[in-house]
Amino acid sequence: MTNRQWFTLHSWAGFAFAGLLLLICATGVLATVSYEIQYLSDEKYRALSDRNGPVNWAQLESNLVSEYADSHILGGGVHAQDYLAGEVRLMTPQGFRFVYFDPATGTLLGEGGWGQLSRFLRNIHMYLSMGSVGKYIVTLTSLLLIISLVSSFYVYRKWWRGFLNNPGKLSWKKRIDWSGWHKWIGLWTWWFVALMAFTGLWYLIERMMFDFDLDHYPASPTVQHSEPQQSQRALPVTELVAKARAARPDMDITGFYYPHGYNQPMSLVGQNDSILVRDRANRVYLDPITGEVVSTQYAADLGLVARIADTADPLHFGNFSGLTVKLIYALFGLMLTALVAGGMRMHYLRTQQRDPNVAKWLSITGSISIAISIAALVYTSIEFDQYSNTSKSLSPQLGELTQRVTDN
């Protein structure tokens, strides 16, 4: 391909759906630090102390018994960052509630509904609140990033000399100034663009595997219960966690999910010494009625495709370590957002020289991407706080555990 053809390809990939790409990049930055934003907004999102040992699930359950006796636990979890409060999901007589707690002590910190800021941002960033169709729209933009990345090295000849260049002043009306900054930011963010592009491409492949029912991840086991057992409620969290710890003493249990059906196991997830995996890579499956260990899953035993699935999230969102890593991701995410916005501005200035008509600048694809972005923002604002699942799960009513808590 000639230089001109590479430039045309680069310009098309960077601007064809730039409005949509800009929304995805901007919400991605905010989603990365969304829990930190919540931390600053309200004390209930803040842990009281650093956790040096296991999550205090037993004290948490005891406190929930006292405060939410008429409710059922759906699940709970804690974050990798010790300064963030944990979240337990409850189905109360009034509906779904999050209850926030200190992971080290089990102290309850407050409650809230489904509609968190983090939920709003993730709904837009991951699938535009449009279900499977939205997931395809978002993940397909990874192809645009890949094309932009590859073509940039052909458009910007001898690019390796530009890292320490001074991009100069930035004039709002001078395309050459925007071009200098665009190249400089692109050089310093190329690794981040590549990381976002290829993890985004993985999400596209994963979505297709789900939709075409292709096996790529170990399936959850099933459990069988007798007719009398099917009239019983599941064991309390404290007992199930104790059995899971006995089965997996290497695993720091960071989350659990009560099943909704008697053929489903109780799932407890966590971390061990495996590197760059989400909590779900390590699991203990228990019979929720008897507490019997059904099976265990180790991150180290996963096949290649399954391991990629469990590594993509930490790499994409930067939530595998502390605040420093998150801030680095946010910084480079802002630079990527500026890269997209700068490309839009340069395209506008180039188009304006030929035809100042805004419609000409946007083109059909640009208009579509802006329309999708606005629709996603409006629709998400309306529905993101709606929780449609009203199931109580198999967990016992917390008030029924009063005697157990007293005995313990």
Protein backbone atom coordinates (compact mmCIF):
# COMPACT_ATOMS: atom_id res chain seq x y z
CA MET A 1 0.00 0.00 0.00
CA THR A 2 1.11 3.56 -0.69
CA ASN A 3 1.50 6.22 2.00
CA ARG A 4 -1.66 7.87 0.74
CA GLN A 5 -3.64 4.62 1.03
CA TRP A 6 -2.38 4.03 4.56
CA PHE A 7 -3.36 7.58 5.48
CA THR A 8 -6.84 7.13 3.99
CA LEU A 9 -7.29 3.88 5.92
CA HIS A 10 -6.03 5.48 9.12
CA SER A 11 -8.36 8.46 8.71
CA TRP A 12 -11.36 6.24 8.02
CA ALA A 13 -10.75 3.94 10.99
CA GLY A 14 -10.20 6.90 13.30
CA PHE A 15 -13.23 8.89 12.27
CA ALA A 16 -15.86 6.57 10.74
CA PHE A 17 -17.49 5.93 14.12
CA ALA A 18 -15.45 8.40 16.17
CA GLY A 19 -18.44 9.70 18.15
CA LEU A 20 -19.19 6.22 19.42
CA LEU A 21 -15.51 5.46 20.02
CA LEU A 22 -15.18 8.69 21.99
CA LEU A 23 -18.09 7.68 24.24
CA ILE A 24 -16.63 4.22 24.83
CA CYS A 25 -13.18 5.61 25.65
CA ALA A 26 -14.50 8.33 27.97
CA THR A 27 -16.82 5.99 29.88
CA GLY A 28 -14.01 3.43 30.06
CA VAL A 29 -11.80 5.95 31.85
CA LEU A 30 -14.57 6.77 34.32
CA ALA A 31 -15.51 3.11 34.77
CA THR A 32 -11.90 2.31 35.71
CA VAL A 33 -12.07 4.69 38.68
CA SER A 34 -15.83 4.52 39.25
CA TYR A 35 -15.51 2.84 42.63
CA GLU A 36 -12.98 5.47 43.67
CA ILE A 37 -15.41 8.20 42.64
CA GLN A 38 -18.06 6.51 44.79
CA TYR A 39 -15.49 6.29 47.60
CA LEU A 40 -15.13 10.07 47.53
CA SER A 41 -18.87 10.64 47.32
CA ASP A 42 -20.06 8.72 50.39
CA GLU A 43 -18.56 7.09 53.49
CA LYS A 44 -20.51 3.88 52.99
CA TYR A 45 -18.22 2.98 50.08
CA ARG A 46 -15.09 3.19 52.27
CA ALA A 47 -13.54 0.30 54.18
CA LEU A 48 -12.72 1.13 57.78
CA SER A 49 -9.32 -0.58 57.81
CA ASP A 50 -6.95 -2.60 55.68
CA ARG A 51 -7.69 -6.31 55.56
CA ASN A 52 -4.72 -8.45 56.59
CA GLY A 53 -6.57 -11.75 56.85
CA PRO A 54 -9.69 -13.46 55.46
CA VAL A 55 -12.89 -11.51 54.87
CA ASN A 56 -14.93 -11.58 58.07
CA TRP A 57 -17.94 -13.29 56.51
CA ALA A 58 -19.11 -14.70 59.86
CA GLN A 59 -19.42 -11.31 61.56
CA LEU A 60 -21.00 -9.86 58.43
CA GLU A 61 -23.70 -12.54 58.50
CA SER A 62 -24.25 -11.97 62.22
CA ASN A 63 -24.72 -8.24 61.64
CA LEU A 64 -27.09 -8.88 58.75
CA VAL A 65 -29.18 -11.19 60.95
CA SER A 66 -29.60 -8.34 63.42
CA GLU A 67 -30.40 -5.62 60.88
CA TYR A 68 -32.14 -7.46 58.01
CA ALA A 69 -33.94 -10.38 59.63
CA ASP A 70 -36.69 -10.49 57.00
CA SER A 71 -34.30 -10.56 54.02
CA HIS A 72 -32.44 -13.17 51.95
CA ILE A 73 -28.81 -13.00 50.82
CA LEU A 74 -28.23 -13.31 47.08
CA GLY A 75 -24.45 -12.99 47.10
CA GLY A 76 -21.57 -10.82 48.14
CA GLY A 77 -18.04 -9.81 47.31
CA VAL A 78 -15.09 -7.59 48.07
CA HIS A 79 -12.71 -5.64 45.83
CA ALA A 80 -9.00 -6.15 45.26
CA GLN A 81 -8.40 -2.70 46.74
CA ASP A 82 -8.46 -2.75 50.55
CA TYR A 83 -9.77 0.80 50.84
CA LEU A 84 -13.09 -0.12 49.19
CA ALA A 85 -16.09 -1.46 51.09
CA GLY A 86 -17.48 -4.87 50.25
CA GLU A 87 -20.98 -5.35 48.89
CA VAL A 88 -23.58 -7.93 49.85
CA ARG A 89 -26.73 -8.28 47.74
CA LEU A 90 -29.99 -8.70 49.61
CA MET A 91 -33.56 -9.33 48.54
CA THR A 92 -35.66 -7.49 51.10
CA PRO A 93 -39.46 -7.23 51.35
CA GLN A 94 -39.04 -3.80 49.74
CA GLY A 95 -36.93 -5.18 46.88
CA PHE A 96 -33.26 -5.46 46.01
CA ARG A 97 -30.66 -3.67 48.13
CA PHE A 98 -26.88 -3.43 48.29
CA VAL A 99 -25.52 -3.44 51.83
CA TYR A 100 -21.96 -2.19 52.19
CA PHE A 101 -19.61 -3.57 54.81
CA ASP A 102 -16.05 -3.39 56.07
CA PRO A 103 -14.31 -6.57 54.84
CA ALA A 104 -11.95 -6.80 57.83
CA THR A 105 -14.57 -6.50 60.59
CA GLY A 106 -17.92 -7.23 58.93
CA THR A 107 -19.26 -3.87 60.16
CA LEU A 108 -22.23 -2.63 58.14
CA LEU A 109 -21.62 0.77 56.56
CA GLY A 110 -24.85 1.61 54.78
CA GLU A 111 -27.10 0.52 51.94
CA GLY A 112 -28.16 1.55 48.48
CA GLY A 113 -30.08 0.48 45.39
CA TRP A 114 -29.03 -1.13 42.16
CA GLY A 115 -28.42 2.22 40.45
CA GLN A 116 -24.82 3.01 41.31
CA LEU A 117 -22.56 5.30 39.30
CA SER A 118 -20.34 2.29 38.57
CA ARG A 119 -23.35 0.43 37.15
CA PHE A 120 -24.29 3.38 34.92
CA LEU A 121 -20.78 3.63 33.48
CA ARG A 122 -20.32 -0.11 32.99
CA ASN A 123 -23.68 -0.47 31.28
CA ILE A 124 -22.72 2.14 28.71
CA HIS A 125 -19.10 1.13 28.31
CA MET A 126 -19.65 -2.60 27.97
CA TYR A 127 -22.82 -2.82 25.89
CA LEU A 128 -24.50 0.60 25.61
CA SER A 129 -27.42 -0.84 27.64
CA MET A 130 -28.50 -2.61 24.44
CA GLY A 131 -27.92 -6.25 25.38
CA SER A 132 -26.15 -8.57 22.96
CA VAL A 133 -26.50 -6.13 20.06
CA GLY A 134 -24.81 -3.41 22.06
CA LYS A 135 -22.03 -5.79 23.04
CA TYR A 136 -21.30 -6.42 19.37
CA ILE A 137 -21.35 -2.69 18.58
CA VAL A 138 -18.88 -1.92 21.37
CA THR A 139 -16.51 -4.80 20.74
CA LEU A 140 -16.44 -4.23 16.99
CA THR A 141 -14.83 -0.86 17.66
CA SER A 142 -11.74 -2.84 18.73
CA LEU A 143 -11.19 -3.56 15.04
CA LEU A 144 -11.11 0.18 14.36
CA LEU A 145 -8.47 0.59 17.07
CA ILE A 146 -6.37 -2.21 15.60
CA ILE A 147 -6.56 -0.70 12.11
CA SER A 148 -5.68 2.74 13.49
CA LEU A 149 -2.77 1.33 15.47
CA VAL A 150 -1.23 -0.66 12.62
CA SER A 151 -1.73 2.04 9.99
CA SER A 152 -0.26 4.73 12.25
CA PHE A 153 3.21 3.21 11.99
CA TYR A 154 3.02 3.54 8.19
CA VAL A 155 1.51 7.01 8.25
CA TYR A 156 4.06 8.34 10.74
CA ARG A 157 7.40 7.47 9.14
CA LYS A 158 10.42 7.17 11.45
CA TRP A 159 8.03 7.31 14.37
CA TRP A 160 10.64 6.14 16.87
CA ARG A 161 12.27 9.55 16.71
CA GLY A 162 9.16 11.33 17.95
CA PHE A 163 8.93 10.24 21.59
CA LEU A 164 10.90 13.18 22.91
CA ASN A 165 9.70 15.72 20.37
CA ASN A 166 8.04 18.85 21.69
CA PRO A 167 4.51 18.86 20.20
CA GLY A 168 4.48 22.64 20.58
CA LYS A 169 1.58 24.97 21.26
CA LEU A 170 -1.95 23.91 20.50
CA SER A 171 -4.06 26.31 18.46
CA TRP A 172 -7.76 25.52 18.20
CA LYS A 173 -7.88 26.49 14.52
CA LYS A 174 -4.56 25.12 13.23
CA ARG A 175 -4.66 21.54 11.96
CA ILE A 176 -0.86 21.25 11.98
CA ASP A 177 -0.84 21.89 15.74
CA TRP A 178 -3.46 19.21 16.30
CA SER A 179 -1.43 16.87 14.12
CA GLY A 180 1.69 17.35 16.24
CA TRP A 181 -0.15 16.56 19.47
CA HIS A 182 -2.00 13.66 17.84
CA LYS A 183 1.27 12.01 16.82
CA TRP A 184 2.93 12.63 20.18
CA ILE A 185 0.03 11.25 22.22
CA GLY A 186 -0.28 8.31 19.85
CA LEU A 187 3.36 7.35 20.36
CA TRP A 188 3.13 7.37 24.14
CA THR A 189 -0.13 5.48 24.23
CA TRP A 190 0.49 2.86 21.54
CA TRP A 191 0.95 0.07 24.14
CA PHE A 192 -2.28 1.07 25.86
CA VAL A 193 -4.17 1.27 22.56
CA ALA A 194 -2.89 -2.21 21.71
CA LEU A 195 -3.96 -3.55 25.11
CA MET A 196 -7.46 -2.08 24.83
CA ALA A 197 -7.81 -3.17 21.20
CA PHE A 198 -6.82 -6.78 21.66
CA THR A 199 -8.72 -7.31 24.92
CA GLY A 200 -11.71 -5.70 23.17
CA LEU A 201 -11.24 -8.12 20.28
CA TRP A 202 -11.25 -10.96 22.78
CA TYR A 203 -14.61 -9.75 24.15
CA LEU A 204 -15.96 -9.84 20.60
CA ILE A 205 -14.75 -13.42 20.13
CA GLU A 206 -16.10 -14.41 23.54
CA ARG A 207 -19.51 -12.92 22.73
CA MET A 208 -19.61 -14.94 19.53
CA MET A 209 -18.67 -18.14 21.38
CA PHE A 210 -21.51 -17.56 23.82
CA ASP A 211 -24.04 -16.84 21.08
CA PHE A 212 -22.99 -19.85 18.99
CA ASP A 213 -22.88 -22.07 22.11
CA LEU A 214 -19.22 -22.98 21.69
CA ASP A 215 -17.63 -24.56 24.75
CA HIS A 216 -14.72 -22.46 25.92
CA TYR A 217 -15.00 -22.39 29.70
CA PRO A 218 -15.55 -25.11 32.33
CA ALA A 219 -19.28 -25.44 32.98
CA SER A 220 -20.70 -25.29 36.48
CA PRO A 221 -21.54 -28.74 37.86
CA THR A 222 -25.09 -29.75 38.76
CA VAL A 223 -26.34 -31.19 42.03
CA GLN A 224 -29.17 -33.57 42.80
CA HIS A 225 -31.42 -33.43 45.84
CA SER A 226 -34.04 -35.74 47.25
CA GLU A 227 -37.61 -34.55 47.52
CA PRO A 228 -37.31 -33.72 51.26
CA GLN A 229 -34.10 -31.77 50.59
CA GLN A 230 -35.89 -29.68 47.99
CA SER A 231 -38.06 -28.24 50.73
CA GLN A 232 -35.00 -27.03 52.68
CA ARG A 233 -33.16 -23.77 52.48
CA ALA A 234 -29.43 -23.50 51.87
CA LEU A 235 -26.92 -23.42 54.69
CA PRO A 236 -25.78 -20.06 56.15
CA VAL A 237 -22.84 -18.23 54.63
CA THR A 238 -20.66 -18.89 57.69
CA GLU A 239 -20.96 -22.68 57.37
CA LEU A 240 -20.51 -22.72 53.61
CA VAL A 241 -17.42 -20.50 53.78
CA ALA A 242 -15.89 -22.75 56.45
CA LYS A 243 -16.38 -25.81 54.22
CA ALA A 244 -14.94 -23.98 51.21
CA ARG A 245 -11.87 -22.92 53.20
CA ALA A 246 -11.31 -26.50 54.29
CA ALA A 247 -11.45 -27.61 50.66
CA ARG A 248 -9.28 -24.74 49.37
CA PRO A 249 -7.03 -23.43 52.16
CA ASP A 250 -4.93 -21.73 49.47
CA MET A 251 -7.80 -19.51 48.37
CA ASP A 252 -8.75 -16.14 49.82
CA ILE A 253 -12.53 -16.22 49.45
CA THR A 254 -13.59 -12.86 48.03
CA GLY A 255 -17.12 -13.60 46.84
CA PHE A 256 -20.03 -16.03 46.82
CA TYR A 257 -23.26 -16.57 44.91
CA TYR A 258 -26.29 -18.39 46.26
CA PRO A 259 -28.07 -20.49 43.62
CA HIS A 260 -31.68 -19.95 42.58
CA GLY A 261 -32.45 -23.58 41.73
CA TYR A 262 -31.97 -26.90 43.52
CA ASN A 263 -29.93 -28.32 40.65
CA GLN A 264 -27.37 -25.50 40.96
CA PRO A 265 -24.37 -25.47 43.31
CA MET A 266 -23.25 -22.75 45.67
CA SER A 267 -20.29 -20.93 44.09
CA LEU A 268 -17.49 -19.33 46.13
CA VAL A 269 -14.69 -17.51 44.32
CA GLY A 270 -11.39 -15.96 45.25
CA GLN A 271 -7.68 -15.48 44.72
CA ASN A 272 -4.60 -17.59 45.38
CA ASP A 273 -1.08 -17.11 44.04
CA SER A 274 -2.18 -17.09 40.39
CA ILE A 275 -1.17 -13.99 38.45
CA LEU A 276 -3.56 -11.69 36.56
CA VAL A 277 -6.83 -13.56 36.91
CA ARG A 278 -10.25 -12.39 38.03
CA ASP A 279 -11.70 -13.93 41.18
CA ARG A 280 -13.91 -16.35 39.21
CA ALA A 281 -10.84 -18.23 37.96
CA ASN A 282 -10.64 -19.96 41.36
CA ARG A 283 -13.85 -21.57 42.60
CA VAL A 284 -15.30 -23.97 45.08
CA TYR A 285 -18.67 -25.48 44.23
CA LEU A 286 -20.70 -26.71 47.20
CA ASP A 287 -24.03 -28.41 47.59
CA PRO A 288 -25.98 -25.52 49.15
CA ILE A 289 -28.16 -27.87 51.24
CA THR A 290 -25.58 -30.30 52.63
CA GLY A 291 -22.40 -28.26 52.26
CA GLU A 292 -20.70 -31.13 50.44
CA VAL A 293 -17.89 -30.12 48.07
CA VAL A 294 -19.09 -30.79 44.52
CA SER A 295 -15.96 -29.69 42.67
CA THR A 296 -13.12 -27.17 42.71
CA GLN A 297 -11.56 -25.06 39.99
CA TYR A 298 -7.95 -23.84 39.98
CA ALA A 299 -6.77 -21.01 37.75
CA ALA A 300 -3.55 -22.93 37.07
CA ASP A 301 -5.54 -25.85 35.59
CA LEU A 302 -7.55 -23.80 33.10
CA GLY A 303 -7.04 -24.32 29.39
CA LEU A 304 -5.61 -21.53 27.23
CA VAL A 305 -8.95 -20.08 26.10
CA ALA A 306 -10.44 -20.17 29.60
CA ARG A 307 -7.31 -18.58 31.05
CA ILE A 308 -7.52 -15.77 28.49
CA ALA A 309 -11.15 -15.24 29.52
CA ASP A 310 -10.13 -14.83 33.17
CA THR A 311 -7.15 -12.59 32.38
CA ALA A 312 -8.86 -10.20 29.95
CA ASP A 313 -10.81 -8.29 32.61
CA PRO A 314 -7.85 -7.43 34.88
CA LEU A 315 -5.82 -6.33 31.86
CA HIS A 316 -8.64 -4.30 30.33
CA PHE A 317 -9.75 -2.46 33.48
CA GLY A 318 -6.51 -2.38 35.49
CA ASN A 319 -8.21 -3.64 38.65
CA PHE A 320 -5.58 -6.28 39.46
CA SER A 321 -3.64 -4.13 41.91
CA GLY A 322 -3.94 -0.95 43.94
CA LEU A 323 -4.81 2.67 43.27
CA THR A 324 -1.54 3.47 41.46
CA VAL A 325 -2.26 1.03 38.63
CA LYS A 326 -5.82 2.32 38.32
CA LEU A 327 -4.59 5.90 38.05
CA ILE A 328 -2.05 4.90 35.38
CA TYR A 329 -4.88 3.28 33.42
CA ALA A 330 -7.02 6.39 33.88
CA LEU A 331 -4.22 8.67 32.70
CA PHE A 332 -3.55 6.69 29.53
CA GLY A 333 -7.29 6.28 29.03
CA LEU A 334 -7.61 10.06 29.05
CA MET A 335 -4.80 10.26 26.51
CA LEU A 336 -6.59 7.73 24.31
CA THR A 337 -9.78 9.77 24.62
CA ALA A 338 -7.83 12.89 23.63
CA LEU A 339 -6.38 10.96 20.69
CA VAL A 340 -9.88 10.20 19.39
CA ALA A 341 -11.13 13.75 20.04
CA GLY A 342 -8.06 15.21 18.36
CA GLY A 343 -8.61 13.04 15.31
CA MET A 344 -12.17 14.32 15.10
CA ARG A 345 -10.96 17.90 15.31
CA MET A 346 -8.34 17.39 12.60
CA HIS A 347 -10.91 15.75 10.32
CA TYR A 348 -13.23 18.70 10.88
CA LEU A 349 -10.53 21.25 10.02
CA ARG A 350 -9.60 19.28 6.91
CA THR A 351 -13.23 19.01 5.82
CA GLN A 352 -13.94 22.65 6.60
CA GLN A 353 -11.37 23.74 4.03
CA ARG A 354 -13.41 22.01 1.32
CA ASP A 355 -16.96 22.30 2.65
CA PRO A 356 -17.91 23.89 6.00
CA ASN A 357 -21.14 21.89 6.18
CA VAL A 358 -21.31 19.92 9.46
CA ALA A 359 -23.22 17.09 7.78
CA LYS A 360 -20.33 16.69 5.37
CA TRP A 361 -17.94 16.43 8.32
CA LEU A 362 -19.99 13.84 10.16
CA SER A 363 -20.90 11.75 7.09
CA ILE A 364 -23.38 8.89 7.36
CA THR A 365 -21.27 6.74 9.67
CA GLY A 366 -20.45 9.69 11.92
CA SER A 367 -24.10 10.64 12.20
CA ILE A 368 -25.03 7.06 13.06
CA SER A 369 -22.36 6.84 15.76
CA ILE A 370 -23.49 10.13 17.35
CA ALA A 371 -27.12 8.94 17.29
CA ILE A 372 -26.20 5.62 18.93
CA SER A 373 -24.17 7.43 21.59
CA ILE A 374 -26.99 9.82 22.48
CA ALA A 375 -29.54 6.98 22.53
CA ALA A 376 -27.29 4.92 24.82
CA LEU A 377 -26.84 7.81 27.26
CA VAL A 378 -30.56 8.58 27.38
CA TYR A 379 -31.68 4.97 27.68
CA THR A 380 -29.08 4.11 30.32
CA SER A 381 -30.08 7.15 32.36
CA ILE A 382 -33.66 5.86 32.38
CA GLU A 383 -33.15 2.16 33.11
CA PHE A 384 -29.77 1.56 34.78
CA ASP A 385 -31.21 1.53 38.30
CA GLN A 386 -33.84 -1.10 37.50
CA TYR A 387 -33.28 -4.57 38.99
CA SER A 388 -35.67 -7.02 37.37
CA ASN A 389 -34.76 -10.22 39.25
CA THR A 390 -37.07 -10.71 42.24
CA SER A 391 -35.89 -14.22 43.18
CA LYS A 392 -34.95 -14.78 46.81
CA SER A 393 -32.45 -17.55 45.92
CA LEU A 394 -32.11 -20.67 48.09
CA SER A 395 -30.54 -18.76 50.96
CA PRO A 396 -32.36 -18.91 54.29
CA GLN A 397 -34.25 -15.95 55.63
CA LEU A 398 -31.78 -14.18 57.84
CA GLY A 399 -34.15 -14.12 60.78
CA GLU A 400 -34.15 -17.92 60.82
CA LEU A 401 -30.43 -17.88 61.63
CA THR A 402 -30.85 -16.10 64.98
CA GLN A 403 -30.43 -19.29 67.00
CA ARG A 404 -27.46 -20.43 64.93
CA VAL A 405 -25.73 -17.09 65.47
CA THR A 406 -26.45 -17.27 69.21
CA ASP A 407 -25.04 -20.81 69.38
CA ASN A 408 -21.87 -19.81 67.51
